[in-house]
C-alpha atoms as a PDB file:
ATOM      1  CA  MET A   1     -46.223  24.701 -22.805  1.00  0.00           C
ATOM      2  CA  ASN A   2     -45.291  21.160 -23.782  1.00  0.00           C
ATOM      3  CA  LYS A   3     -41.741  22.341 -24.445  1.00  0.00           C
ATOM      4  CA  ASN A   4     -41.383  23.665 -20.874  1.00  0.00           C
ATOM      5  CA  LEU A   5     -42.894  20.492 -19.457  1.00  0.00           C
ATOM      6  CA  PHE A   6     -40.443  18.389 -21.490  1.00  0.00           C
ATOM      7  CA  LEU A   7     -37.464  20.467 -20.323  1.00  0.00           C
ATOM      8  CA  GLY A   8     -38.607  20.212 -16.698  1.00  0.00           C
ATOM      9  CA  LEU A   9     -38.991  16.446 -16.906  1.00  0.00           C
ATOM     10  CA  ALA A  10     -35.634  16.108 -18.636  1.00  0.00           C
ATOM     11  CA  ALA A  11     -33.945  18.189 -15.932  1.00  0.00           C
ATOM     12  CA  ALA A  12     -35.621  16.169 -13.172  1.00  0.00           C
ATOM     13  CA  ALA A  13     -34.561  12.900 -14.795  1.00  0.00           C
ATOM     14  CA  PHE A  14     -30.973  14.162 -15.132  1.00  0.00           C
ATOM     15  CA  LEU A  15     -30.812  15.270 -11.489  1.00  0.00           C
ATOM     16  CA  GLY A  16     -32.310  11.972 -10.329  1.00  0.00           C
ATOM     17  CA  ALA A  17     -29.825   9.944 -12.354  1.00  0.00           C
ATOM     18  CA  TYR A  18     -26.957  12.151 -11.164  1.00  0.00           C
ATOM     19  CA  SER A  19     -27.980  11.747  -7.499  1.00  0.00           C
ATOM     20  CA  LEU A  20     -28.265   7.970  -7.880  1.00  0.00           C
ATOM     21  CA  SER A  21     -24.851   7.844  -9.540  1.00  0.00           C
ATOM     22  CA  MET A  22     -23.253   9.861  -6.746  1.00  0.00           C
ATOM     23  CA  ALA A  23     -24.848   7.642  -4.085  1.00  0.00           C
ATOM     24  CA  GLN A  24     -23.550   4.525  -5.827  1.00  0.00           C
ATOM     25  CA  ASN A  25     -20.055   6.047  -6.034  1.00  0.00           C
ATOM     26  CA  ASP A  26     -20.143   6.841  -2.300  1.00  0.00           C
ATOM     27  CA  ASN A  27     -21.157   3.252  -1.545  1.00  0.00           C
ATOM     28  CA  ALA A  28     -18.420   1.908  -3.822  1.00  0.00           C
ATOM     29  CA  ALA A  29     -15.836   3.985  -1.954  1.00  0.00           C
ATOM     30  CA  ASP A  30     -17.095   2.626   1.377  1.00  0.00           C
ATOM     31  CA  ASN A  31     -16.944  -0.966   0.090  1.00  0.00           C
ATOM     32  CA  SER A  32     -13.415  -0.593  -1.280  1.00  0.00           C
ATOM     33  CA  GLU A  33     -11.847  -0.057   2.128  1.00  0.00           C
ATOM     34  CA  VAL A  34      -9.280  -2.690   2.946  1.00  0.00           C
ATOM     35  CA  ALA A  35     -10.111  -4.855   5.953  1.00  0.00           C
ATOM     36  CA  VAL A  36      -7.404  -5.260   8.568  1.00  0.00           C
ATOM     37  CA  MET A  37      -6.017  -8.799   8.523  1.00  0.00           C
ATOM     38  CA  THR A  38      -3.638 -10.777  10.705  1.00  0.00           C
ATOM     39  CA  VAL A  39      -0.275 -12.270   9.826  1.00  0.00           C
ATOM     40  CA  SER A  40      -1.704 -15.785  10.120  1.00  0.00           C
ATOM     41  CA  GLN A  41      -4.347 -14.964   7.483  1.00  0.00           C
ATOM     42  CA  ILE A  42      -1.690 -13.946   4.931  1.00  0.00           C
ATOM     43  CA  GLY A  43      -0.936 -17.607   4.164  1.00  0.00           C
ATOM     44  CA  ASN A  44      -4.389 -17.950   2.601  1.00  0.00           C
ATOM     45  CA  ILE A  45      -4.091 -14.802   0.487  1.00  0.00           C
ATOM     46  CA  GLU A  46      -3.034 -14.865  -3.163  1.00  0.00           C
ATOM     47  CA  GLU A  47       0.166 -13.221  -4.296  1.00  0.00           C
ATOM     48  CA  ASP A  48      -0.024  -9.512  -5.160  1.00  0.00           C
ATOM     49  CA  ALA A  49      -3.181  -9.055  -3.068  1.00  0.00           C
ATOM     50  CA  THR A  50      -3.265  -5.799  -1.120  1.00  0.00           C
ATOM     51  CA  VAL A  51      -3.648  -6.226   2.627  1.00  0.00           C
ATOM     52  CA  THR A  52      -3.517  -4.088   5.749  1.00  0.00           C
ATOM     53  CA  LEU A  53      -2.057  -5.381   9.012  1.00  0.00           C
ATOM     54  CA  ARG A  54      -2.051  -3.904  12.519  1.00  0.00           C
ATOM     55  CA  GLY A  55       0.887  -4.591  14.809  1.00  0.00           C
ATOM     56  CA  ASN A  56       4.490  -3.597  15.502  1.00  0.00           C
ATOM     57  CA  LEU A  57       7.761  -3.369  13.609  1.00  0.00           C
ATOM     58  CA  THR A  58       9.880  -5.335  16.052  1.00  0.00           C
ATOM     59  CA  GLN A  59      13.217  -5.670  14.275  1.00  0.00           C
ATOM     60  CA  ASN A  60      15.233  -4.030  11.488  1.00  0.00           C
ATOM     61  CA  LEU A  61      16.883  -6.745   9.364  1.00  0.00           C
ATOM     62  CA  GLY A  62      18.627  -4.234   7.073  1.00  0.00           C
ATOM     63  CA  ASN A  63      18.155  -3.632   3.329  1.00  0.00           C
ATOM     64  CA  ASP A  64      14.706  -2.043   3.925  1.00  0.00           C
ATOM     65  CA  THR A  65      13.435  -5.273   5.540  1.00  0.00           C
ATOM     66  CA  TYR A  66      11.731  -5.283   8.944  1.00  0.00           C
ATOM     67  CA  VAL A  67      10.001  -7.909  11.058  1.00  0.00           C
ATOM     68  CA  PHE A  68       6.323  -7.051  11.460  1.00  0.00           C
ATOM     69  CA  THR A  69       4.631  -8.751  14.429  1.00  0.00           C
ATOM     70  CA  ASP A  70       1.028  -9.071  15.505  1.00  0.00           C
ATOM     71  CA  SER A  71      -0.643 -11.393  18.007  1.00  0.00           C
ATOM     72  CA  THR A  72      -0.738 -14.219  15.416  1.00  0.00           C
ATOM     73  CA  GLY A  73       2.852 -14.226  14.183  1.00  0.00           C
ATOM     74  CA  ASN A  74       5.609 -12.491  12.219  1.00  0.00           C
ATOM     75  CA  ILE A  75       6.168 -11.541   8.594  1.00  0.00           C
ATOM     76  CA  ASN A  76       9.007  -9.750   6.870  1.00  0.00           C
ATOM     77  CA  ALA A  77       7.926  -6.326   5.653  1.00  0.00           C
ATOM     78  CA  VAL A  78       9.904  -4.508   2.953  1.00  0.00           C
ATOM     79  CA  ILE A  79       9.588  -0.765   3.561  1.00  0.00           C
ATOM     80  CA  GLU A  80      11.536   1.482   1.214  1.00  0.00           C
ATOM     81  CA  ALA A  81      12.694   4.932   2.324  1.00  0.00           C
ATOM     82  CA  GLY A  82       9.965   6.780   0.401  1.00  0.00           C
ATOM     83  CA  ASP A  83       7.186   4.810   2.122  1.00  0.00           C
ATOM     84  CA  TRP A  84       7.957   6.192   5.598  1.00  0.00           C
ATOM     85  CA  ASN A  85       6.662   9.693   4.736  1.00  0.00           C
ATOM     86  CA  GLY A  86       9.154  11.215   7.162  1.00  0.00           C
ATOM     87  CA  THR A  87       7.856   9.294  10.181  1.00  0.00           C
ATOM     88  CA  THR A  88       9.734   7.054  12.576  1.00  0.00           C
ATOM     89  CA  PHE A  89       8.392   4.333  14.851  1.00  0.00           C
ATOM     90  CA  ASN A  90       9.843   2.325  17.711  1.00  0.00           C
ATOM     91  CA  PRO A  91       9.032  -1.346  18.453  1.00  0.00           C
ATOM     92  CA  ASP A  92       6.340  -0.300  20.956  1.00  0.00           C
ATOM     93  CA  THR A  93       4.435   1.814  18.417  1.00  0.00           C
ATOM     94  CA  VAL A  94       1.363   0.088  17.010  1.00  0.00           C
ATOM     95  CA  VAL A  95       1.171   0.729  13.268  1.00  0.00           C
ATOM     96  CA  PHE A  96      -0.962  -0.065  10.259  1.00  0.00           C
ATOM     97  CA  VAL A  97       0.986  -1.315   7.243  1.00  0.00           C
ATOM     98  CA  THR A  98      -0.601  -1.722   3.829  1.00  0.00           C
ATOM     99  CA  GLY A  99       1.082  -3.488   0.950  1.00  0.00           C
ATOM    100  CA  GLN A 100       1.179  -6.344  -1.525  1.00  0.00           C
ATOM    101  CA  VAL A 101       1.724  -9.968  -0.563  1.00  0.00           C
ATOM    102  CA  ASN A 102       4.807 -11.523  -2.176  1.00  0.00           C
ATOM    103  CA  LYS A 103       5.275 -15.289  -2.110  1.00  0.00           C
ATOM    104  CA  ASN A 104       8.443 -17.061  -3.171  1.00  0.00           C
ATOM    105  CA  GLY A 105       8.191 -20.741  -2.353  1.00  0.00           C
ATOM    106  CA  ASP A 106       7.810 -21.075   1.413  1.00  0.00           C
ATOM    107  CA  ILE A 107       8.723 -17.422   2.000  1.00  0.00           C
ATOM    108  CA  THR A 108       5.950 -14.848   2.243  1.00  0.00           C
ATOM    109  CA  GLU A 109       6.621 -11.172   2.783  1.00  0.00           C
ATOM    110  CA  LEU A 110       4.778  -7.876   2.544  1.00  0.00           C
ATOM    111  CA  ASP A 111       5.917  -5.150   0.147  1.00  0.00           C
ATOM    112  CA  VAL A 112       4.695  -2.139   2.125  1.00  0.00           C
ATOM    113  CA  THR A 113       3.282   0.864   0.270  1.00  0.00           C
ATOM    114  CA  GLU A 114       1.927   2.754   3.286  1.00  0.00           C
ATOM    115  CA  ILE A 115       2.667   2.860   6.985  1.00  0.00           C
ATOM    116  CA  GLN A 116       0.930   4.923   9.644  1.00  0.00           C
ATOM    117  CA  SER A 117       0.545   5.012  13.395  1.00  0.00           C
ATOM    118  CA  ALA A 118      -2.492   3.183  14.767  1.00  0.00           C
ATOM    119  CA  GLN A 119      -2.451   5.249  17.950  1.00  0.00           C
END
């Protein structure tokens, strides 16, 4: 009888620990979401930080470089061909861009890794 009681308690402890672990993982996933920032906030962000911006691609400068604009300003966004995922946007399309901040002296740009429509 003690053996069955021990096995039952061990199973209950395992399931409790497993459930707690899964709940913590779900919370970690929720907390890891990237907050949407503005162009003006990028100046205070460290290099190589990942950020997400919401705005418009207003100009194509060539060589995979575009001007990204939101209500607070402009930043150059480098978007390579593979990052478009077969989508196209016009200057009136509101998009989310996610990427790494690159700083070179007074020049700050965003190396985009993902772009998607915000509409």
